[in-house]
Amino acid sequence: MTLDQLRILVSIADHGGVLAAAAALNRTQPTLSVATRKLEEELGVPLLERDSYRARLTPQGEKICREARKLLRQESYLGDLAAHLAAGHEAQLSLAIEESCPVPLVLQVLKKLEAQFPQTEFELVGERLWGALERLEGHEAQLAITPWFEENVRLESFPLNRGEMLPVAAPGFMPGLAKPLRLAELRAKVQVVVRDSSRNPRKSSLGVLGEGRQWLVNDHQTKKAILLAGMGWGRLQRHMIEQELAEGRLIPLQITDYGDSGAIEIRVARRRDEAIGPVAQALWDELLRLAGFAT
């Protein structure tokens, strides 16, 4: 059994007969007839009913034809994949993203790239705090999208967008939330903190009160749920809580001695010491356009 024999069988089914299939394949009718008879002999089942003017598939032939279509689609995919890889395109591309970053922005770009490069398998890896940068630095991802906590000359980067880390709590968390507060008033209260997913956490505290009470969680959504339940306070990116702020379910805290403004920059980064493939380059270029740096 050959793929050519299966292709002939499918063509006969699609065109309603051997003569029409021969014309579509630009081959002679006897050639197709010989090929289908050999296939019948090899499989041991009749594939065509030849007792009418136009040969048509038998019930067994219909079933074989359905499976043949699957094999031919797979053959076409393998051919496209081989051409894709031969052109130097990556078989897989890994993008590490810090989970508080605006994922919908990134997905609109990935949707375009997936349609353009369907043979590349995209891996979107969610990390917390320093985790996305660690994956990039450890050669586990080709690109990273992450809050930019400190300058890193080993990486090439550009700002994707800017946001704000806002300290918030639910209205019933403690009395006097609407007035300016000092950190001393919050030290006895639970600060909800997202655990860094990197294997080698940095020493910087990123707004964590070292002497206060803390609850550690593994993701930003769990942190948000705890804050909404009135069980603690903490900082979240504004875009994650716009609706809750508008509805009054979370209240911004005015902490006079917190130390920083909460402004945050989200950057796209790649390593300077490693060339990226054409699909990763296309992703980089699309994100540049999204950020307004390219046309």
C-alpha atoms as a PDB file:
ATOM      1  CA  MET A   1       0.000   0.000   0.000  1.00  0.00           C
ATOM      2  CA  THR A   2       1.358   3.388  -1.005  1.00  0.00           C
ATOM      3  CA  LEU A   3       0.326   6.975  -0.424  1.00  0.00           C
ATOM      4  CA  ASP A   4      -0.154   7.295  -4.175  1.00  0.00           C
ATOM      5  CA  GLN A   5      -2.733   4.491  -4.133  1.00  0.00           C
ATOM      6  CA  LEU A   6      -4.567   6.170  -1.259  1.00  0.00           C
ATOM      7  CA  ARG A   7      -4.443   9.508  -3.078  1.00  0.00           C
ATOM      8  CA  ILE A   8      -6.069   7.865  -6.117  1.00  0.00           C
ATOM      9  CA  LEU A   9      -8.808   6.323  -3.966  1.00  0.00           C
ATOM     10  CA  VAL A  10      -9.607   9.701  -2.369  1.00  0.00           C
ATOM     11  CA  SER A  11      -9.651  11.388  -5.771  1.00  0.00           C
ATOM     12  CA  ILE A  12     -12.128   8.809  -7.094  1.00  0.00           C
ATOM     13  CA  ALA A  13     -14.367   9.503  -4.089  1.00  0.00           C
ATOM     14  CA  ASP A  14     -14.080  13.270  -4.514  1.00  0.00           C
ATOM     15  CA  HIS A  15     -14.718  13.327  -8.280  1.00  0.00           C
ATOM     16  CA  GLY A  16     -17.369  10.628  -8.492  1.00  0.00           C
ATOM     17  CA  GLY A  17     -15.556   8.175 -10.716  1.00  0.00           C
ATOM     18  CA  VAL A  18     -12.298   6.888 -12.181  1.00  0.00           C
ATOM     19  CA  LEU A  19     -12.476   8.938 -15.388  1.00  0.00           C
ATOM     20  CA  ALA A  20     -12.977  12.256 -13.589  1.00  0.00           C
ATOM     21  CA  ALA A  21     -10.287  11.378 -11.039  1.00  0.00           C
ATOM     22  CA  ALA A  22      -7.849  10.580 -13.861  1.00  0.00           C
ATOM     23  CA  ALA A  23      -8.484  13.990 -15.409  1.00  0.00           C
ATOM     24  CA  ALA A  24      -8.018  15.729 -12.047  1.00  0.00           C
ATOM     25  CA  LEU A  25      -4.734  13.896 -11.422  1.00  0.00           C
ATOM     26  CA  ASN A  26      -3.598  14.282 -15.043  1.00  0.00           C
ATOM     27  CA  ARG A  27      -3.157  10.548 -15.405  1.00  0.00           C
ATOM     28  CA  THR A  28      -4.743   7.827 -17.574  1.00  0.00           C
ATOM     29  CA  GLN A  29      -7.855   5.913 -16.563  1.00  0.00           C
ATOM     30  CA  PRO A  30      -6.130   2.491 -16.911  1.00  0.00           C
ATOM     31  CA  THR A  31      -3.355   3.646 -14.565  1.00  0.00           C
ATOM     32  CA  LEU A  32      -5.884   4.493 -11.856  1.00  0.00           C
ATOM     33  CA  SER A  33      -7.820   1.261 -12.428  1.00  0.00           C
ATOM     34  CA  VAL A  34      -4.659  -0.849 -12.050  1.00  0.00           C
ATOM     35  CA  ALA A  35      -3.646   1.050  -8.899  1.00  0.00           C
ATOM     36  CA  THR A  36      -7.024   0.552  -7.210  1.00  0.00           C
ATOM     37  CA  ARG A  37      -7.133  -3.172  -8.092  1.00  0.00           C
ATOM     38  CA  LYS A  38      -3.664  -3.646  -6.590  1.00  0.00           C
ATOM     39  CA  LEU A  39      -4.790  -1.828  -3.448  1.00  0.00           C
ATOM     40  CA  GLU A  40      -7.845  -4.083  -3.211  1.00  0.00           C
ATOM     41  CA  GLU A  41      -5.629  -7.155  -3.542  1.00  0.00           C
ATOM     42  CA  GLU A  42      -3.265  -5.905  -0.837  1.00  0.00           C
ATOM     43  CA  LEU A  43      -6.045  -5.020   1.592  1.00  0.00           C
ATOM     44  CA  GLY A  44      -8.211  -8.030   0.786  1.00  0.00           C
ATOM     45  CA  VAL A  45     -11.443  -6.011   0.537  1.00  0.00           C
ATOM     46  CA  PRO A  46     -13.384  -4.579  -2.445  1.00  0.00           C
ATOM     47  CA  LEU A  47     -13.048  -0.800  -2.595  1.00  0.00           C
ATOM     48  CA  LEU A  48     -15.037   0.029  -5.751  1.00  0.00           C
ATOM     49  CA  GLU A  49     -18.380  -1.166  -7.101  1.00  0.00           C
ATOM     50  CA  ARG A  50     -17.893  -1.502 -10.861  1.00  0.00           C
ATOM     51  CA  ASP A  51     -21.337  -2.753 -11.878  1.00  0.00           C
ATOM     52  CA  SER A  52     -22.600   0.688 -12.885  1.00  0.00           C
ATOM     53  CA  TYR A  53     -21.568   3.366 -15.391  1.00  0.00           C
ATOM     54  CA  ARG A  54     -19.557   5.220 -12.734  1.00  0.00           C
ATOM     55  CA  ALA A  55     -17.421   3.267 -10.278  1.00  0.00           C
ATOM     56  CA  ARG A  56     -18.296   4.188  -6.709  1.00  0.00           C
ATOM     57  CA  LEU A  57     -16.873   3.267  -3.326  1.00  0.00           C
ATOM     58  CA  THR A  58     -18.134   0.208  -1.483  1.00  0.00           C
ATOM     59  CA  PRO A  59     -18.988   0.559   2.243  1.00  0.00           C
ATOM     60  CA  GLN A  60     -15.546  -0.901   2.978  1.00  0.00           C
ATOM     61  CA  GLY A  61     -14.033   1.566   0.527  1.00  0.00           C
ATOM     62  CA  GLU A  62     -15.761   4.473   2.300  1.00  0.00           C
ATOM     63  CA  LYS A  63     -14.172   3.495   5.598  1.00  0.00           C
ATOM     64  CA  ILE A  64     -10.734   3.004   4.046  1.00  0.00           C
ATOM     65  CA  CYS A  65     -11.121   6.352   2.293  1.00  0.00           C
ATOM     66  CA  ARG A  66     -11.845   8.161   5.573  1.00  0.00           C
ATOM     67  CA  GLU A  67      -8.650   6.798   7.078  1.00  0.00           C
ATOM     68  CA  ALA A  68      -6.737   7.573   3.883  1.00  0.00           C
ATOM     69  CA  ARG A  69      -7.726  11.222   4.172  1.00  0.00           C
ATOM     70  CA  LYS A  70      -6.205  11.352   7.661  1.00  0.00           C
ATOM     71  CA  LEU A  71      -2.939   9.873   6.412  1.00  0.00           C
ATOM     72  CA  LEU A  72      -2.768  12.275   3.482  1.00  0.00           C
ATOM     73  CA  ARG A  73      -3.408  15.259   5.769  1.00  0.00           C
ATOM     74  CA  GLN A  74      -0.587  14.030   7.994  1.00  0.00           C
ATOM     75  CA  GLU A  75       1.686  13.663   4.978  1.00  0.00           C
ATOM     76  CA  SER A  76       0.913  17.252   3.965  1.00  0.00           C
ATOM     77  CA  TYR A  77       1.599  18.481   7.507  1.00  0.00           C
ATOM     78  CA  LEU A  78       4.925  16.606   7.644  1.00  0.00           C
ATOM     79  CA  GLY A  79       5.952  18.165   4.353  1.00  0.00           C
ATOM     80  CA  ASP A  80       5.083  21.649   5.609  1.00  0.00           C
ATOM     81  CA  LEU A  81       6.899  20.957   8.883  1.00  0.00           C
ATOM     82  CA  ALA A  82      10.030  19.763   7.098  1.00  0.00           C
ATOM     83  CA  ALA A  83      10.051  22.899   4.918  1.00  0.00           C
ATOM     84  CA  HIS A  84       9.490  25.038   8.022  1.00  0.00           C
ATOM     85  CA  LEU A  85      12.446  23.474   9.851  1.00  0.00           C
ATOM     86  CA  ALA A  86      14.646  23.476   6.749  1.00  0.00           C
ATOM     87  CA  ALA A  87      14.130  27.242   6.531  1.00  0.00           C
ATOM     88  CA  GLY A  88      15.624  27.574  10.022  1.00  0.00           C
ATOM     89  CA  HIS A  89      12.340  28.166  11.827  1.00  0.00           C
ATOM     90  CA  GLU A  90      12.135  26.993  15.420  1.00  0.00           C
ATOM     91  CA  ALA A  91      10.261  23.792  16.260  1.00  0.00           C
ATOM     92  CA  GLN A  92       9.328  25.348  19.618  1.00  0.00           C
ATOM     93  CA  LEU A  93       9.409  28.862  21.022  1.00  0.00           C
ATOM     94  CA  SER A  94       9.165  29.554  24.742  1.00  0.00           C
ATOM     95  CA  LEU A  95       7.952  32.914  26.076  1.00  0.00           C
ATOM     96  CA  ALA A  96       8.214  33.494  29.837  1.00  0.00           C
ATOM     97  CA  ILE A  97       5.764  36.032  31.228  1.00  0.00           C
ATOM     98  CA  GLU A  98       5.373  37.369  34.748  1.00  0.00           C
ATOM     99  CA  GLU A  99       1.756  36.606  35.609  1.00  0.00           C
ATOM    100  CA  SER A 100       0.787  40.121  36.653  1.00  0.00           C
ATOM    101  CA  CYS A 101       1.657  41.488  33.208  1.00  0.00           C
ATOM    102  CA  PRO A 102      -1.245  42.297  30.831  1.00  0.00           C
ATOM    103  CA  VAL A 103      -1.633  38.914  29.128  1.00  0.00           C
ATOM    104  CA  PRO A 104      -4.416  40.012  26.679  1.00  0.00           C
ATOM    105  CA  LEU A 105      -1.925  42.377  25.027  1.00  0.00           C
ATOM    106  CA  VAL A 106       0.460  39.497  24.462  1.00  0.00           C
ATOM    107  CA  LEU A 107      -2.218  37.081  23.239  1.00  0.00           C
ATOM    108  CA  GLN A 108      -3.238  39.320  20.346  1.00  0.00           C
ATOM    109  CA  VAL A 109       0.355  39.132  19.102  1.00  0.00           C
ATOM    110  CA  LEU A 110       0.654  35.370  19.687  1.00  0.00           C
ATOM    111  CA  LYS A 111      -2.594  34.788  17.784  1.00  0.00           C
ATOM    112  CA  LYS A 112      -1.088  36.504  14.734  1.00  0.00           C
ATOM    113  CA  LEU A 113       2.209  34.620  15.038  1.00  0.00           C
ATOM    114  CA  GLU A 114       0.493  31.257  15.485  1.00  0.00           C
ATOM    115  CA  ALA A 115      -1.386  31.802  12.212  1.00  0.00           C
ATOM    116  CA  GLN A 116       1.824  32.869  10.463  1.00  0.00           C
ATOM    117  CA  PHE A 117       3.950  29.993  11.819  1.00  0.00           C
ATOM    118  CA  PRO A 118       1.567  27.065  12.501  1.00  0.00           C
ATOM    119  CA  GLN A 119       4.430  24.541  12.548  1.00  0.00           C
ATOM    120  CA  THR A 120       6.112  26.222  15.543  1.00  0.00           C
ATOM    121  CA  GLU A 121       4.859  25.094  18.929  1.00  0.00           C
ATOM    122  CA  PHE A 122       4.429  28.098  21.229  1.00  0.00           C
ATOM    123  CA  GLU A 123       4.994  27.658  24.961  1.00  0.00           C
ATOM    124  CA  LEU A 124       3.722  30.434  27.246  1.00  0.00           C
ATOM    125  CA  VAL A 125       5.226  29.984  30.721  1.00  0.00           C
ATOM    126  CA  GLY A 126       3.739  31.960  33.618  1.00  0.00           C
ATOM    127  CA  GLU A 127       6.088  32.967  36.428  1.00  0.00           C
ATOM    128  CA  ARG A 128       6.006  35.285  39.447  1.00  0.00           C
ATOM    129  CA  LEU A 129       8.301  38.203  40.283  1.00  0.00           C
ATOM    130  CA  TRP A 130      11.844  37.263  39.144  1.00  0.00           C
ATOM    131  CA  GLY A 131      10.852  33.903  37.657  1.00  0.00           C
ATOM    132  CA  ALA A 132      10.420  35.033  34.041  1.00  0.00           C
ATOM    133  CA  LEU A 133      13.836  36.721  33.987  1.00  0.00           C
ATOM    134  CA  GLU A 134      15.420  33.650  35.530  1.00  0.00           C
ATOM    135  CA  ARG A 135      14.019  31.459  32.750  1.00  0.00           C
ATOM    136  CA  LEU A 136      15.419  33.862  30.163  1.00  0.00           C
ATOM    137  CA  GLU A 137      18.832  34.040  31.832  1.00  0.00           C
ATOM    138  CA  GLY A 138      18.884  30.248  32.214  1.00  0.00           C
ATOM    139  CA  HIS A 139      18.260  29.636  28.476  1.00  0.00           C
ATOM    140  CA  GLU A 140      14.821  28.168  29.241  1.00  0.00           C
ATOM    141  CA  ALA A 141      12.988  30.837  27.227  1.00  0.00           C
ATOM    142  CA  GLN A 142      13.828  32.864  24.124  1.00  0.00           C
ATOM    143  CA  LEU A 143      11.938  35.984  25.286  1.00  0.00           C
ATOM    144  CA  ALA A 144      10.546  37.269  28.581  1.00  0.00           C
ATOM    145  CA  ILE A 145       7.873  39.816  29.453  1.00  0.00           C
ATOM    146  CA  THR A 146       8.289  41.049  32.994  1.00  0.00           C
ATOM    147  CA  PRO A 147       8.207  44.022  35.349  1.00  0.00           C
ATOM    148  CA  TRP A 148      11.589  45.728  35.152  1.00  0.00           C
ATOM    149  CA  PHE A 149      12.846  45.761  38.714  1.00  0.00           C
ATOM    150  CA  GLU A 150      16.463  46.712  37.971  1.00  0.00           C
ATOM    151  CA  GLU A 151      18.733  47.346  34.991  1.00  0.00           C
ATOM    152  CA  ASN A 152      20.425  44.292  33.478  1.00  0.00           C
ATOM    153  CA  VAL A 153      23.090  44.995  30.847  1.00  0.00           C
ATOM    154  CA  ARG A 154      23.215  41.317  29.827  1.00  0.00           C
ATOM    155  CA  LEU A 155      19.732  41.667  28.356  1.00  0.00           C
ATOM    156  CA  GLU A 156      18.369  43.699  25.463  1.00  0.00           C
ATOM    157  CA  SER A 157      14.936  45.084  26.299  1.00  0.00           C
ATOM    158  CA  PHE A 158      12.291  47.665  25.489  1.00  0.00           C
ATOM    159  CA  PRO A 159       9.248  48.924  27.445  1.00  0.00           C
ATOM    160  CA  LEU A 160       5.954  47.297  26.430  1.00  0.00           C
ATOM    161  CA  ASN A 161       3.781  49.419  28.713  1.00  0.00           C
ATOM    162  CA  ARG A 162       3.723  51.114  32.092  1.00  0.00           C
ATOM    163  CA  GLY A 163       1.542  50.525  35.100  1.00  0.00           C
ATOM    164  CA  GLU A 164       1.175  51.130  38.795  1.00  0.00           C
ATOM    165  CA  MET A 165       1.542  48.860  41.800  1.00  0.00           C
ATOM    166  CA  LEU A 166      -1.245  50.016  44.079  1.00  0.00           C
ATOM    167  CA  PRO A 167      -1.513  49.120  47.807  1.00  0.00           C
ATOM    168  CA  VAL A 168      -5.154  48.169  48.445  1.00  0.00           C
ATOM    169  CA  ALA A 169      -7.469  46.525  50.964  1.00  0.00           C
ATOM    170  CA  ALA A 170     -11.166  45.765  51.255  1.00  0.00           C
ATOM    171  CA  PRO A 171     -13.331  48.454  52.942  1.00  0.00           C
ATOM    172  CA  GLY A 172     -13.839  46.399  56.105  1.00  0.00           C
ATOM    173  CA  PHE A 173     -10.200  45.446  56.544  1.00  0.00           C
ATOM    174  CA  MET A 174      -9.520  48.058  59.264  1.00  0.00           C
ATOM    175  CA  PRO A 175     -10.913  51.416  60.410  1.00  0.00           C
ATOM    176  CA  GLY A 176      -9.654  54.630  58.832  1.00  0.00           C
ATOM    177  CA  LEU A 177      -8.619  53.244  55.433  1.00  0.00           C
ATOM    178  CA  ALA A 178      -9.685  56.438  53.663  1.00  0.00           C
ATOM    179  CA  LYS A 179      -7.208  58.621  55.576  1.00  0.00           C
ATOM    180  CA  PRO A 180      -3.426  58.757  55.104  1.00  0.00           C
ATOM    181  CA  LEU A 181      -1.679  55.902  56.909  1.00  0.00           C
ATOM    182  CA  ARG A 182       1.825  55.200  58.135  1.00  0.00           C
ATOM    183  CA  LEU A 183       3.519  51.814  57.815  1.00  0.00           C
ATOM    184  CA  ALA A 184       3.567  51.479  61.599  1.00  0.00           C
ATOM    185  CA  GLU A 185      -0.236  51.245  61.546  1.00  0.00           C
ATOM    186  CA  LEU A 186      -0.045  48.257  59.158  1.00  0.00           C
ATOM    187  CA  ARG A 187       2.741  46.215  60.758  1.00  0.00           C
ATOM    188  CA  ALA A 188       0.326  44.267  62.946  1.00  0.00           C
ATOM    189  CA  LYS A 189      -1.911  43.583  59.939  1.00  0.00           C
ATOM    190  CA  VAL A 190      -1.469  40.780  57.411  1.00  0.00           C
ATOM    191  CA  GLN A 191       0.373  41.771  54.251  1.00  0.00           C
ATOM    192  CA  VAL A 192      -0.382  39.311  51.452  1.00  0.00           C
ATOM    193  CA  VAL A 193       2.744  38.596  49.411  1.00  0.00           C
ATOM    194  CA  VAL A 194       3.187  36.612  46.193  1.00  0.00           C
ATOM    195  CA  ARG A 195       5.986  34.081  46.486  1.00  0.00           C
ATOM    196  CA  ASP A 196       8.833  34.512  44.017  1.00  0.00           C
ATOM    197  CA  SER A 197       8.853  31.565  41.585  1.00  0.00           C
ATOM    198  CA  SER A 198      12.568  31.889  40.779  1.00  0.00           C
ATOM    199  CA  ARG A 199      14.915  29.271  42.175  1.00  0.00           C
ATOM    200  CA  ASN A 200      17.376  31.906  43.379  1.00  0.00           C
ATOM    201  CA  PRO A 201      15.316  34.752  44.886  1.00  0.00           C
ATOM    202  CA  ARG A 202      16.862  38.229  44.907  1.00  0.00           C
ATOM    203  CA  LYS A 203      17.493  40.060  48.152  1.00  0.00           C
ATOM    204  CA  SER A 204      15.354  43.091  47.247  1.00  0.00           C
ATOM    205  CA  SER A 205      12.077  43.205  49.180  1.00  0.00           C
ATOM    206  CA  LEU A 206       9.867  44.747  46.456  1.00  0.00           C
ATOM    207  CA  GLY A 207       7.617  46.491  48.975  1.00  0.00           C
ATOM    208  CA  VAL A 208       7.443  43.677  51.535  1.00  0.00           C
ATOM    209  CA  LEU A 209       7.527  44.819  55.185  1.00  0.00           C
ATOM    210  CA  GLY A 210      10.265  42.763  56.765  1.00  0.00           C
ATOM    211  CA  GLU A 211       8.944  43.112  60.322  1.00  0.00           C
ATOM    212  CA  GLY A 212       5.226  42.780  59.601  1.00  0.00           C
ATOM    213  CA  ARG A 213       2.863  39.791  59.439  1.00  0.00           C
ATOM    214  CA  GLN A 214       2.784  38.079  56.051  1.00  0.00           C
ATOM    215  CA  TRP A 215       0.755  35.513  54.189  1.00  0.00           C
ATOM    216  CA  LEU A 216       2.593  33.966  51.239  1.00  0.00           C
ATOM    217  CA  VAL A 217       0.647  32.852  48.161  1.00  0.00           C
ATOM    218  CA  ASN A 218       1.724  31.330  44.857  1.00  0.00           C
ATOM    219  CA  ASP A 219      -0.125  33.610  42.421  1.00  0.00           C
ATOM    220  CA  HIS A 220      -1.598  37.079  42.024  1.00  0.00           C
ATOM    221  CA  GLN A 221      -5.198  35.896  41.650  1.00  0.00           C
ATOM    222  CA  THR A 222      -5.113  34.139  45.028  1.00  0.00           C
ATOM    223  CA  LYS A 223      -3.648  37.294  46.538  1.00  0.00           C
ATOM    224  CA  LYS A 224      -6.472  39.341  45.020  1.00  0.00           C
ATOM    225  CA  ALA A 225      -9.096  36.928  46.404  1.00  0.00           C
ATOM    226  CA  ILE A 226      -7.648  37.219  49.915  1.00  0.00           C
ATOM    227  CA  LEU A 227      -7.638  41.015  49.720  1.00  0.00           C
ATOM    228  CA  LEU A 228     -11.256  41.051  48.520  1.00  0.00           C
ATOM    229  CA  ALA A 229     -12.177  38.847  51.487  1.00  0.00           C
ATOM    230  CA  GLY A 230     -10.834  41.533  53.833  1.00  0.00           C
ATOM    231  CA  MET A 231      -8.121  39.243  55.204  1.00  0.00           C
ATOM    232  CA  GLY A 232      -5.068  41.364  54.393  1.00  0.00           C
ATOM    233  CA  TRP A 233      -3.573  44.213  52.413  1.00  0.00           C
ATOM    234  CA  GLY A 234      -1.073  44.276  49.595  1.00  0.00           C
ATOM    235  CA  ARG A 235      -0.039  45.713  46.258  1.00  0.00           C
ATOM    236  CA  LEU A 236      -1.435  44.679  42.879  1.00  0.00           C
ATOM    237  CA  GLN A 237      -1.042  46.128  39.419  1.00  0.00           C
ATOM    238  CA  ARG A 238      -3.857  48.579  38.771  1.00  0.00           C
ATOM    239  CA  HIS A 239      -5.001  46.855  35.559  1.00  0.00           C
ATOM    240  CA  MET A 240      -5.805  43.727  37.618  1.00  0.00           C
ATOM    241  CA  ILE A 241      -8.214  45.549  39.944  1.00  0.00           C
ATOM    242  CA  GLU A 242      -9.805  48.322  37.857  1.00  0.00           C
ATOM    243  CA  GLN A 243     -13.314  46.894  38.245  1.00  0.00           C
ATOM    244  CA  GLU A 244     -12.955  46.266  41.979  1.00  0.00           C
ATOM    245  CA  LEU A 245     -11.714  49.830  42.509  1.00  0.00           C
ATOM    246  CA  ALA A 246     -14.611  51.248  40.499  1.00  0.00           C
ATOM    247  CA  GLU A 247     -17.114  49.183  42.506  1.00  0.00           C
ATOM    248  CA  GLY A 248     -15.527  50.125  45.844  1.00  0.00           C
ATOM    249  CA  ARG A 249     -14.697  46.508  46.678  1.00  0.00           C
ATOM    250  CA  LEU A 250     -11.041  47.504  47.067  1.00  0.00           C
ATOM    251  CA  ILE A 251      -9.766  50.846  48.385  1.00  0.00           C
ATOM    252  CA  PRO A 252      -6.366  52.394  47.535  1.00  0.00           C
ATOM    253  CA  LEU A 253      -4.267  52.899  50.660  1.00  0.00           C
ATOM    254  CA  GLN A 254      -2.509  56.239  51.133  1.00  0.00           C
ATOM    255  CA  ILE A 255       0.686  55.157  52.882  1.00  0.00           C
ATOM    256  CA  THR A 256       2.775  58.279  53.481  1.00  0.00           C
ATOM    257  CA  ASP A 257       6.079  56.559  54.227  1.00  0.00           C
ATOM    258  CA  TYR A 258       5.965  53.535  51.883  1.00  0.00           C
ATOM    259  CA  GLY A 259       9.027  54.754  50.024  1.00  0.00           C
ATOM    260  CA  ASP A 260       8.172  54.429  46.322  1.00  0.00           C
ATOM    261  CA  SER A 261       5.476  55.694  43.979  1.00  0.00           C
ATOM    262  CA  GLY A 262       4.438  52.238  42.803  1.00  0.00           C
ATOM    263  CA  ALA A 263       5.184  53.103  39.157  1.00  0.00           C
ATOM    264  CA  ILE A 264       6.195  50.003  37.231  1.00  0.00           C
ATOM    265  CA  GLU A 265       7.495  49.356  33.724  1.00  0.00           C
ATOM    266  CA  ILE A 266       6.761  46.151  31.827  1.00  0.00           C
ATOM    267  CA  ARG A 267       9.550  45.197  29.438  1.00  0.00           C
ATOM    268  CA  VAL A 268      10.179  42.624  26.725  1.00  0.00           C
ATOM    269  CA  ALA A 269      13.665  41.156  27.042  1.00  0.00           C
ATOM    270  CA  ARG A 270      16.042  38.793  25.280  1.00  0.00           C
ATOM    271  CA  ARG A 271      19.650  37.768  25.860  1.00  0.00           C
ATOM    272  CA  ARG A 272      22.374  39.754  24.110  1.00  0.00           C
ATOM    273  CA  ASP A 273      24.725  36.777  23.896  1.00  0.00           C
ATOM    274  CA  GLU A 274      22.433  34.440  21.960  1.00  0.00           C
ATOM    275  CA  ALA A 275      20.972  34.869  18.490  1.00  0.00           C
ATOM    276  CA  ILE A 276      17.272  34.073  18.270  1.00  0.00           C
ATOM    277  CA  GLY A 277      15.523  32.259  15.431  1.00  0.00           C
ATOM    278  CA  PRO A 278      13.246  33.807  12.805  1.00  0.00           C
ATOM    279  CA  VAL A 279       9.994  33.064  14.667  1.00  0.00           C
ATOM    280  CA  ALA A 280      11.314  34.574  17.907  1.00  0.00           C
ATOM    281  CA  GLN A 281      12.532  37.563  15.889  1.00  0.00           C
ATOM    282  CA  ALA A 282       9.078  37.948  14.357  1.00  0.00           C
ATOM    283  CA  LEU A 283       7.560  37.856  17.851  1.00  0.00           C
ATOM    284  CA  TRP A 284      10.065  40.483  19.042  1.00  0.00           C
ATOM    285  CA  ASP A 285       9.212  42.699  16.047  1.00  0.00           C
ATOM    286  CA  GLU A 286       5.452  42.359  16.604  1.00  0.00           C
ATOM    287  CA  LEU A 287       5.833  43.304  20.269  1.00  0.00           C
ATOM    288  CA  LEU A 288       7.956  46.286  19.194  1.00  0.00           C
ATOM    289  CA  ARG A 289       5.123  47.399  16.925  1.00  0.00           C
ATOM    290  CA  LEU A 290       2.619  46.902  19.732  1.00  0.00           C
ATOM    291  CA  ALA A 291       4.752  49.104  21.986  1.00  0.00           C
ATOM    292  CA  GLY A 292       4.913  51.792  19.300  1.00  0.00           C
ATOM    293  CA  PHE A 293       8.604  51.446  18.451  1.00  0.00           C
ATOM    294  CA  ALA A 294       8.182  50.125  14.907  1.00  0.00           C
ATOM    295  CA  THR A 295       5.796  50.471  11.976  1.00  0.00           C
END
